[in-house]
Amino acid sequence: MNQQQGPQIRFISRPQASLLERIVFFSLSLVVLVAAFFFIGIALIAGAIIAGVFLIRWWWRQRKLRRETGDTWVEGEYTVVESAIIDQRPKEEK
């Protein structure tokens, strides 16, 4: 009585980690987590400082430009090349 069986899947599991391996893995993961936390904090602080420098620089240039122009009118001449009259009245319904 030879019955053919389908393919069998065998799961190979590694043996349970020892207490020392668990402690080492936990401590390494904790170190990585703390380092990531500090890295993100430092990156956010650096980004805020860089954004502040750019905003102060932009404000300083705007202030300097306003002082140079003195909020005066720019005068000039112009010539009409082609004039067009545009009818702005609403079209009457027929």
N, C-alpha and C. Protein backbone atom coordinates (compact mmCIF):
# COMPACT_ATOMS: atom_id res chain seq x y z
N MET A 1 0.82 -1.16 0.00
CA MET A 1 0.00 0.00 0.00
C MET A 1 0.88 1.24 0.00
N ASN A 2 1.24 1.65 -1.13
CA ASN A 2 2.12 2.80 -1.32
C ASN A 2 1.29 4.00 -1.75
N GLN A 3 1.06 4.87 -0.83
CA GLN A 3 0.28 6.06 -1.16
C GLN A 3 1.25 7.22 -1.40
N GLN A 4 0.95 7.95 -2.46
CA GLN A 4 1.77 9.13 -2.74
C GLN A 4 1.24 10.31 -1.93
N GLN A 5 2.13 10.93 -1.29
CA GLN A 5 1.74 12.10 -0.50
C GLN A 5 2.24 13.35 -1.22
N GLY A 6 1.53 14.46 -0.98
CA GLY A 6 1.93 15.74 -1.57
C GLY A 6 3.22 16.23 -0.93
N PRO A 7 3.70 17.33 -1.45
CA PRO A 7 4.93 17.88 -0.87
C PRO A 7 4.72 18.29 0.58
N GLN A 8 5.69 18.07 1.35
CA GLN A 8 5.61 18.41 2.76
C GLN A 8 6.50 19.61 3.04
N ILE A 9 5.99 20.48 3.85
CA ILE A 9 6.74 21.67 4.23
C ILE A 9 7.29 21.43 5.62
N ARG A 10 8.57 21.59 5.72
CA ARG A 10 9.22 21.40 7.02
C ARG A 10 9.71 22.75 7.52
N PHE A 11 9.34 23.07 8.69
CA PHE A 11 9.80 24.31 9.29
C PHE A 11 11.01 24.00 10.15
N ILE A 12 12.05 24.74 9.88
CA ILE A 12 13.26 24.57 10.68
C ILE A 12 13.32 25.77 11.61
N SER A 13 13.19 25.53 12.85
CA SER A 13 13.24 26.62 13.82
C SER A 13 14.54 26.51 14.60
N ARG A 14 15.06 27.65 14.88
CA ARG A 14 16.30 27.62 15.64
C ARG A 14 15.98 27.39 17.10
N PRO A 15 16.88 26.85 17.81
CA PRO A 15 16.61 26.60 19.22
C PRO A 15 16.45 27.91 19.99
N GLN A 16 15.79 27.82 21.10
CA GLN A 16 15.56 29.00 21.92
C GLN A 16 16.89 29.65 22.31
N ALA A 17 16.87 30.98 22.30
CA ALA A 17 18.08 31.70 22.65
C ALA A 17 18.33 31.57 24.16
N SER A 18 19.58 31.57 24.47
CA SER A 18 19.93 31.48 25.89
C SER A 18 19.68 32.84 26.56
N LEU A 19 19.76 32.84 27.84
CA LEU A 19 19.52 34.06 28.61
C LEU A 19 20.57 35.12 28.25
N LEU A 20 21.79 34.71 28.06
CA LEU A 20 22.86 35.66 27.72
C LEU A 20 22.58 36.29 26.35
N GLU A 21 22.13 35.48 25.37
CA GLU A 21 21.81 36.02 24.05
C GLU A 21 20.65 37.01 24.12
N ARG A 22 19.66 36.72 24.91
CA ARG A 22 18.53 37.64 25.05
C ARG A 22 18.95 38.95 25.68
N ILE A 23 19.81 38.89 26.69
CA ILE A 23 20.28 40.11 27.35
C ILE A 23 21.10 40.95 26.38
N VAL A 24 21.98 40.30 25.63
CA VAL A 24 22.81 41.04 24.65
C VAL A 24 21.93 41.66 23.58
N PHE A 25 20.97 40.91 23.05
CA PHE A 25 20.08 41.44 22.02
C PHE A 25 19.26 42.61 22.55
N PHE A 26 18.74 42.49 23.75
CA PHE A 26 17.96 43.57 24.35
C PHE A 26 18.81 44.82 24.55
N SER A 27 20.03 44.66 25.07
CA SER A 27 20.88 45.82 25.32
C SER A 27 21.29 46.50 24.01
N LEU A 28 21.59 45.71 22.97
CA LEU A 28 21.94 46.30 21.67
C LEU A 28 20.76 47.03 21.05
N SER A 29 19.60 46.46 21.15
CA SER A 29 18.42 47.13 20.59
C SER A 29 18.10 48.41 21.37
N LEU A 30 18.32 48.40 22.67
CA LEU A 30 18.12 49.59 23.48
C LEU A 30 19.12 50.68 23.09
N VAL A 31 20.37 50.31 22.86
CA VAL A 31 21.39 51.28 22.44
C VAL A 31 21.02 51.88 21.08
N VAL A 32 20.57 51.06 20.16
CA VAL A 32 20.18 51.55 18.83
C VAL A 32 18.98 52.49 18.95
N LEU A 33 18.03 52.16 19.78
CA LEU A 33 16.84 52.99 19.97
C LEU A 33 17.21 54.34 20.57
N VAL A 34 18.06 54.36 21.56
CA VAL A 34 18.48 55.62 22.18
C VAL A 34 19.29 56.45 21.18
N ALA A 35 20.17 55.82 20.42
CA ALA A 35 20.95 56.55 19.42
C ALA A 35 20.04 57.15 18.35
N ALA A 36 19.03 56.41 17.91
CA ALA A 36 18.08 56.94 16.92
C ALA A 36 17.31 58.12 17.49
N PHE A 37 16.91 58.04 18.75
CA PHE A 37 16.20 59.14 19.39
C PHE A 37 17.05 60.40 19.41
N PHE A 38 18.32 60.27 19.81
CA PHE A 38 19.19 61.43 19.85
C PHE A 38 19.49 61.96 18.45
N PHE A 39 19.65 61.07 17.48
CA PHE A 39 19.90 61.51 16.10
C PHE A 39 18.73 62.32 15.57
N ILE A 40 17.51 61.84 15.80
CA ILE A 40 16.34 62.57 15.33
C ILE A 40 16.22 63.91 16.05
N GLY A 41 16.50 63.94 17.33
CA GLY A 41 16.46 65.20 18.07
C GLY A 41 17.48 66.20 17.55
N ILE A 42 18.69 65.73 17.31
CA ILE A 42 19.74 66.62 16.80
C ILE A 42 19.39 67.09 15.39
N ALA A 43 18.84 66.21 14.55
CA ALA A 43 18.46 66.59 13.19
C ALA A 43 17.35 67.65 13.22
N LEU A 44 16.38 67.51 14.12
CA LEU A 44 15.32 68.51 14.22
C LEU A 44 15.86 69.86 14.70
N ILE A 45 16.75 69.82 15.65
CA ILE A 45 17.34 71.07 16.15
C ILE A 45 18.16 71.74 15.04
N ALA A 46 18.96 70.97 14.32
CA ALA A 46 19.75 71.54 13.23
C ALA A 46 18.84 72.11 12.14
N GLY A 47 17.77 71.42 11.82
CA GLY A 47 16.83 71.94 10.83
C GLY A 47 16.19 73.24 11.27
N ALA A 48 15.85 73.34 12.55
CA ALA A 48 15.26 74.58 13.07
C ALA A 48 16.27 75.73 13.02
N ILE A 49 17.52 75.45 13.33
CA ILE A 49 18.55 76.49 13.28
C ILE A 49 18.77 76.96 11.85
N ILE A 50 18.85 76.03 10.91
CA ILE A 50 19.05 76.40 9.51
C ILE A 50 17.86 77.20 8.98
N ALA A 51 16.64 76.79 9.32
CA ALA A 51 15.45 77.54 8.90
C ALA A 51 15.46 78.94 9.51
N GLY A 52 15.86 79.06 10.76
CA GLY A 52 15.94 80.37 11.40
C GLY A 52 16.96 81.28 10.73
N VAL A 53 18.11 80.72 10.37
CA VAL A 53 19.13 81.52 9.68
C VAL A 53 18.60 82.01 8.34
N PHE A 54 17.92 81.14 7.58
CA PHE A 54 17.38 81.56 6.28
C PHE A 54 16.29 82.62 6.46
N LEU A 55 15.44 82.49 7.46
CA LEU A 55 14.39 83.48 7.69
C LEU A 55 14.97 84.83 8.11
N ILE A 56 15.97 84.81 8.95
CA ILE A 56 16.60 86.07 9.37
C ILE A 56 17.30 86.73 8.19
N ARG A 57 17.96 85.93 7.37
CA ARG A 57 18.63 86.47 6.18
C ARG A 57 17.61 87.08 5.22
N TRP A 58 16.49 86.39 5.01
CA TRP A 58 15.45 86.90 4.13
C TRP A 58 14.88 88.20 4.70
N TRP A 59 14.60 88.28 5.99
CA TRP A 59 14.07 89.48 6.62
C TRP A 59 15.06 90.64 6.48
N TRP A 60 16.34 90.33 6.68
CA TRP A 60 17.36 91.37 6.59
C TRP A 60 17.43 91.95 5.18
N ARG A 61 17.36 91.11 4.14
CA ARG A 61 17.40 91.59 2.75
C ARG A 61 16.16 92.42 2.44
N GLN A 62 14.99 91.98 2.90
CA GLN A 62 13.77 92.75 2.65
C GLN A 62 13.86 94.12 3.32
N ARG A 63 14.37 94.13 4.53
CA ARG A 63 14.52 95.39 5.25
C ARG A 63 15.47 96.32 4.52
N LYS A 64 16.58 95.80 4.02
CA LYS A 64 17.56 96.59 3.30
C LYS A 64 16.98 97.12 2.00
N LEU A 65 16.22 96.29 1.28
CA LEU A 65 15.61 96.74 0.03
C LEU A 65 14.58 97.83 0.29
N ARG A 66 13.77 97.71 1.33
CA ARG A 66 12.79 98.73 1.66
C ARG A 66 13.47 100.05 2.02
N ARG A 67 14.58 99.97 2.70
CA ARG A 67 15.29 101.17 3.09
C ARG A 67 15.89 101.86 1.86
N GLU A 68 16.41 101.08 0.90
CA GLU A 68 17.01 101.66 -0.30
C GLU A 68 15.97 102.30 -1.20
N THR A 69 14.82 101.67 -1.38
CA THR A 69 13.80 102.23 -2.26
C THR A 69 13.06 103.37 -1.57
N GLY A 70 12.92 103.33 -0.29
CA GLY A 70 12.25 104.39 0.44
C GLY A 70 10.76 104.45 0.17
N ASP A 71 10.19 103.38 -0.33
CA ASP A 71 8.76 103.31 -0.63
C ASP A 71 8.32 104.48 -1.52
N THR A 72 9.08 104.77 -2.56
CA THR A 72 8.75 105.86 -3.48
C THR A 72 8.10 105.30 -4.73
N TRP A 73 7.49 106.21 -5.48
CA TRP A 73 6.85 105.83 -6.74
C TRP A 73 7.90 105.77 -7.83
N VAL A 74 7.72 104.86 -8.73
CA VAL A 74 8.58 104.76 -9.90
C VAL A 74 7.89 105.51 -11.03
N GLU A 75 8.56 106.52 -11.59
CA GLU A 75 7.96 107.32 -12.64
C GLU A 75 8.51 106.87 -13.99
N GLY A 76 7.68 107.01 -15.01
CA GLY A 76 8.11 106.64 -16.35
C GLY A 76 7.09 107.11 -17.37
N GLU A 77 7.41 106.88 -18.62
CA GLU A 77 6.52 107.26 -19.72
C GLU A 77 6.11 106.00 -20.46
N TYR A 78 4.99 106.10 -21.12
CA TYR A 78 4.54 104.97 -21.92
C TYR A 78 3.85 105.48 -23.18
N THR A 79 3.78 104.62 -24.17
CA THR A 79 3.11 104.92 -25.43
C THR A 79 2.12 103.81 -25.71
N VAL A 80 0.89 104.19 -26.09
CA VAL A 80 -0.13 103.20 -26.42
C VAL A 80 0.15 102.71 -27.83
N VAL A 81 0.39 101.42 -27.96
CA VAL A 81 0.68 100.84 -29.27
C VAL A 81 -0.61 100.53 -29.99
N GLU A 82 -1.52 99.91 -29.32
CA GLU A 82 -2.80 99.54 -29.92
C GLU A 82 -3.85 99.56 -28.82
N SER A 83 -4.91 100.27 -29.04
CA SER A 83 -5.94 100.33 -28.02
C SER A 83 -7.10 99.45 -28.44
N ALA A 84 -7.71 98.84 -27.48
CA ALA A 84 -8.85 97.97 -27.74
C ALA A 84 -9.93 98.31 -26.73
N ILE A 85 -11.15 98.41 -27.22
CA ILE A 85 -12.28 98.65 -26.34
C ILE A 85 -12.98 97.32 -26.15
N ILE A 86 -13.07 96.91 -24.92
CA ILE A 86 -13.69 95.62 -24.62
C ILE A 86 -15.06 95.91 -24.03
N ASP A 87 -16.07 95.31 -24.64
CA ASP A 87 -17.43 95.50 -24.17
C ASP A 87 -17.65 94.66 -22.92
N GLN A 88 -17.86 95.32 -21.79
CA GLN A 88 -18.02 94.65 -20.52
C GLN A 88 -19.48 94.41 -20.16
N ARG A 89 -20.40 94.90 -21.01
CA ARG A 89 -21.81 94.74 -20.71
C ARG A 89 -22.23 93.30 -20.90
N PRO A 90 -23.17 92.84 -20.05
CA PRO A 90 -23.66 91.46 -20.26
C PRO A 90 -24.49 91.36 -21.53
N LYS A 91 -24.40 90.24 -22.19
CA LYS A 91 -25.13 90.04 -23.44
C LYS A 91 -26.62 89.87 -23.12
N GLU A 92 -27.43 90.49 -23.94
CA GLU A 92 -28.89 90.41 -23.75
C GLU A 92 -29.39 89.08 -24.28
N GLU A 93 -30.34 88.53 -23.59
CA GLU A 93 -30.93 87.26 -24.04
C GLU A 93 -31.86 87.51 -25.21
N LYS A 94 -31.84 86.65 -26.20
CA LYS A 94 -32.69 86.82 -27.38
C LYS A 94 -33.96 86.06 -27.25
